[in-house]
């Protein structure tokens, strides 16, 4: 890994899920590194030409995380829809 010099770094902002922040913080703690270092390591390790490099367990974890997020979003949308329908029923009744 090349030596990190502050003058070589570029500040970028990204939107990520809270679960990804938790995972990144746990990895950083485990490796005694900063979360920024974990992001740099992940970028360096990523190879778009080799999706087969990802272990089956990692793929399952990624799919599982995405399904959980989709279910949570669906639940929240359903709750909002139920509240809206209840308000409309009260106005009509």
C-alpha atoms as a PDB file:
ATOM      1  CA  UNK A   1       0.000   0.000   0.000  1.00  0.00           C
ATOM      2  CA  UNK A   2       1.501   3.375  -0.958  1.00  0.00           C
ATOM      3  CA  UNK A   3       2.232   5.903   1.743  1.00  0.00           C
ATOM      4  CA  UNK A   4      -0.717   8.231   2.248  1.00  0.00           C
ATOM      5  CA  UNK A   5       0.191  11.886   1.944  1.00  0.00           C
ATOM      6  CA  UNK A   6      -2.514  14.407   2.660  1.00  0.00           C
ATOM      7  CA  UNK A   7      -1.577  16.469  -0.377  1.00  0.00           C
ATOM      8  CA  UNK A   8      -2.293  13.426  -2.589  1.00  0.00           C
ATOM      9  CA  UNK A   9      -5.826  12.964  -1.244  1.00  0.00           C
ATOM     10  CA  UNK A  10      -8.992  14.414  -2.743  1.00  0.00           C
ATOM     11  CA  UNK A  11     -12.099  15.030  -0.601  1.00  0.00           C
ATOM     12  CA  UNK A  12     -15.299  13.446  -1.962  1.00  0.00           C
ATOM     13  CA  UNK A  13     -18.750  13.077  -0.439  1.00  0.00           C
ATOM     14  CA  UNK A  14     -20.890   9.984  -0.921  1.00  0.00           C
ATOM     15  CA  UNK A  15     -24.306   8.921   0.281  1.00  0.00           C
ATOM     16  CA  UNK A  16     -24.297   5.469   1.853  1.00  0.00           C
ATOM     17  CA  UNK A  17     -26.745   3.460   3.903  1.00  0.00           C
ATOM     18  CA  UNK A  18     -26.559   3.464   7.726  1.00  0.00           C
ATOM     19  CA  UNK A  19     -25.908  -0.291   7.619  1.00  0.00           C
ATOM     20  CA  UNK A  20     -22.870   0.378   5.428  1.00  0.00           C
ATOM     21  CA  UNK A  21     -21.576   2.937   7.928  1.00  0.00           C
ATOM     22  CA  UNK A  22     -21.936   0.384  10.715  1.00  0.00           C
ATOM     23  CA  UNK A  23     -20.109  -2.242   8.668  1.00  0.00           C
ATOM     24  CA  UNK A  24     -17.367   0.217   7.739  1.00  0.00           C
ATOM     25  CA  UNK A  25     -16.950   1.300  11.373  1.00  0.00           C
ATOM     26  CA  UNK A  26     -16.694  -2.335  12.485  1.00  0.00           C
ATOM     27  CA  UNK A  27     -14.086  -3.065   9.808  1.00  0.00           C
ATOM     28  CA  UNK A  28     -12.140   0.057  10.746  1.00  0.00           C
ATOM     29  CA  UNK A  29     -12.208  -0.908  14.419  1.00  0.00           C
ATOM     30  CA  UNK A  30     -11.157  -4.483  13.630  1.00  0.00           C
ATOM     31  CA  UNK A  31      -8.240  -3.276  11.483  1.00  0.00           C
ATOM     32  CA  UNK A  32      -7.348  -0.300  13.723  1.00  0.00           C
ATOM     33  CA  UNK A  33      -7.767   1.929  10.690  1.00  0.00           C
ATOM     34  CA  UNK A  34      -9.860   4.939   9.786  1.00  0.00           C
ATOM     35  CA  UNK A  35     -13.100   4.526   7.868  1.00  0.00           C
ATOM     36  CA  UNK A  36     -11.480   6.513   5.047  1.00  0.00           C
ATOM     37  CA  UNK A  37      -8.707   3.896   4.897  1.00  0.00           C
ATOM     38  CA  UNK A  38     -11.333   1.139   4.709  1.00  0.00           C
ATOM     39  CA  UNK A  39     -12.945   2.909   1.739  1.00  0.00           C
ATOM     40  CA  UNK A  40      -9.554   3.278   0.020  1.00  0.00           C
ATOM     41  CA  UNK A  41      -8.834  -0.428   0.597  1.00  0.00           C
ATOM     42  CA  UNK A  42     -12.232  -1.403  -0.805  1.00  0.00           C
ATOM     43  CA  UNK A  43     -11.662   0.701  -3.925  1.00  0.00           C
ATOM     44  CA  UNK A  44      -8.198  -0.776  -4.412  1.00  0.00           C
ATOM     45  CA  UNK A  45      -9.544  -4.321  -3.950  1.00  0.00           C
ATOM     46  CA  UNK A  46     -12.444  -3.877  -6.383  1.00  0.00           C
ATOM     47  CA  UNK A  47     -12.002  -5.295  -9.870  1.00  0.00           C
ATOM     48  CA  UNK A  48     -14.972  -4.677 -12.192  1.00  0.00           C
ATOM     49  CA  UNK A  49     -13.571  -7.219 -14.638  1.00  0.00           C
ATOM     50  CA  UNK A  50     -13.587 -10.009 -12.029  1.00  0.00           C
ATOM     51  CA  UNK A  51     -16.988 -10.290 -10.322  1.00  0.00           C
ATOM     52  CA  UNK A  52     -16.123 -13.940  -9.688  1.00  0.00           C
ATOM     53  CA  UNK A  53     -13.551 -12.797  -7.121  1.00  0.00           C
ATOM     54  CA  UNK A  54     -16.358 -12.195  -4.663  1.00  0.00           C
ATOM     55  CA  UNK A  55     -16.958 -15.194  -2.429  1.00  0.00           C
ATOM     56  CA  UNK A  56     -20.390 -16.801  -2.489  1.00  0.00           C
ATOM     57  CA  UNK A  57     -20.927 -15.856   1.162  1.00  0.00           C
ATOM     58  CA  UNK A  58     -20.165 -12.212   0.340  1.00  0.00           C
ATOM     59  CA  UNK A  59     -22.636 -12.268  -2.537  1.00  0.00           C
ATOM     60  CA  UNK A  60     -25.299 -13.826  -0.318  1.00  0.00           C
ATOM     61  CA  UNK A  61     -24.635 -11.217   2.359  1.00  0.00           C
ATOM     62  CA  UNK A  62     -24.951  -8.422  -0.201  1.00  0.00           C
ATOM     63  CA  UNK A  63     -28.194  -9.833  -1.610  1.00  0.00           C
ATOM     64  CA  UNK A  64     -29.539 -10.383   1.902  1.00  0.00           C
ATOM     65  CA  UNK A  65     -28.742  -6.798   2.863  1.00  0.00           C
ATOM     66  CA  UNK A  66     -30.454  -5.450  -0.257  1.00  0.00           C
ATOM     67  CA  UNK A  67     -33.551  -7.599   0.319  1.00  0.00           C
ATOM     68  CA  UNK A  68     -33.772  -6.426   3.947  1.00  0.00           C
ATOM     69  CA  UNK A  69     -33.483  -2.800   2.814  1.00  0.00           C
ATOM     70  CA  UNK A  70     -36.201  -3.344   0.183  1.00  0.00           C
ATOM     71  CA  UNK A  71     -38.498  -4.986   2.730  1.00  0.00           C
ATOM     72  CA  UNK A  72     -37.931  -2.150   5.190  1.00  0.00           C
ATOM     73  CA  UNK A  73     -38.686   0.442   2.489  1.00  0.00           C
ATOM     74  CA  UNK A  74     -41.822  -1.486   1.487  1.00  0.00           C
ATOM     75  CA  UNK A  75     -42.976  -1.659   5.122  1.00  0.00           C
ATOM     76  CA  UNK A  76     -42.468   2.095   5.577  1.00  0.00           C
ATOM     77  CA  UNK A  77     -44.331   2.850   2.355  1.00  0.00           C
ATOM     78  CA  UNK A  78     -47.194   0.572   3.397  1.00  0.00           C
ATOM     79  CA  UNK A  79     -47.444   2.283   6.787  1.00  0.00           C
ATOM     80  CA  UNK A  80     -47.520   5.704   5.127  1.00  0.00           C
ATOM     81  CA  UNK A  81     -50.176   4.517   2.678  1.00  0.00           C
ATOM     82  CA  UNK A  82     -52.285   3.092   5.538  1.00  0.00           C
ATOM     83  CA  UNK A  83     -52.099   6.430   7.404  1.00  0.00           C
ATOM     84  CA  UNK A  84     -53.068   8.341   4.271  1.00  0.00           C
ATOM     85  CA  UNK A  85     -56.002   6.031   3.568  1.00  0.00           C
ATOM     86  CA  UNK A  86     -57.185   6.358   7.173  1.00  0.00           C
ATOM     87  CA  UNK A  87     -57.124  10.168   6.878  1.00  0.00           C
ATOM     88  CA  UNK A  88     -59.074   9.994   3.629  1.00  0.00           C
ATOM     89  CA  UNK A  89     -61.651   7.676   5.240  1.00  0.00           C
ATOM     90  CA  UNK A  90     -62.096  10.141   8.126  1.00  0.00           C
ATOM     91  CA  UNK A  91     -62.643  13.019   5.695  1.00  0.00           C
ATOM     92  CA  UNK A  92     -65.127  11.035   3.620  1.00  0.00           C
ATOM     93  CA  UNK A  93     -66.991   9.628   6.611  1.00  0.00           C
END
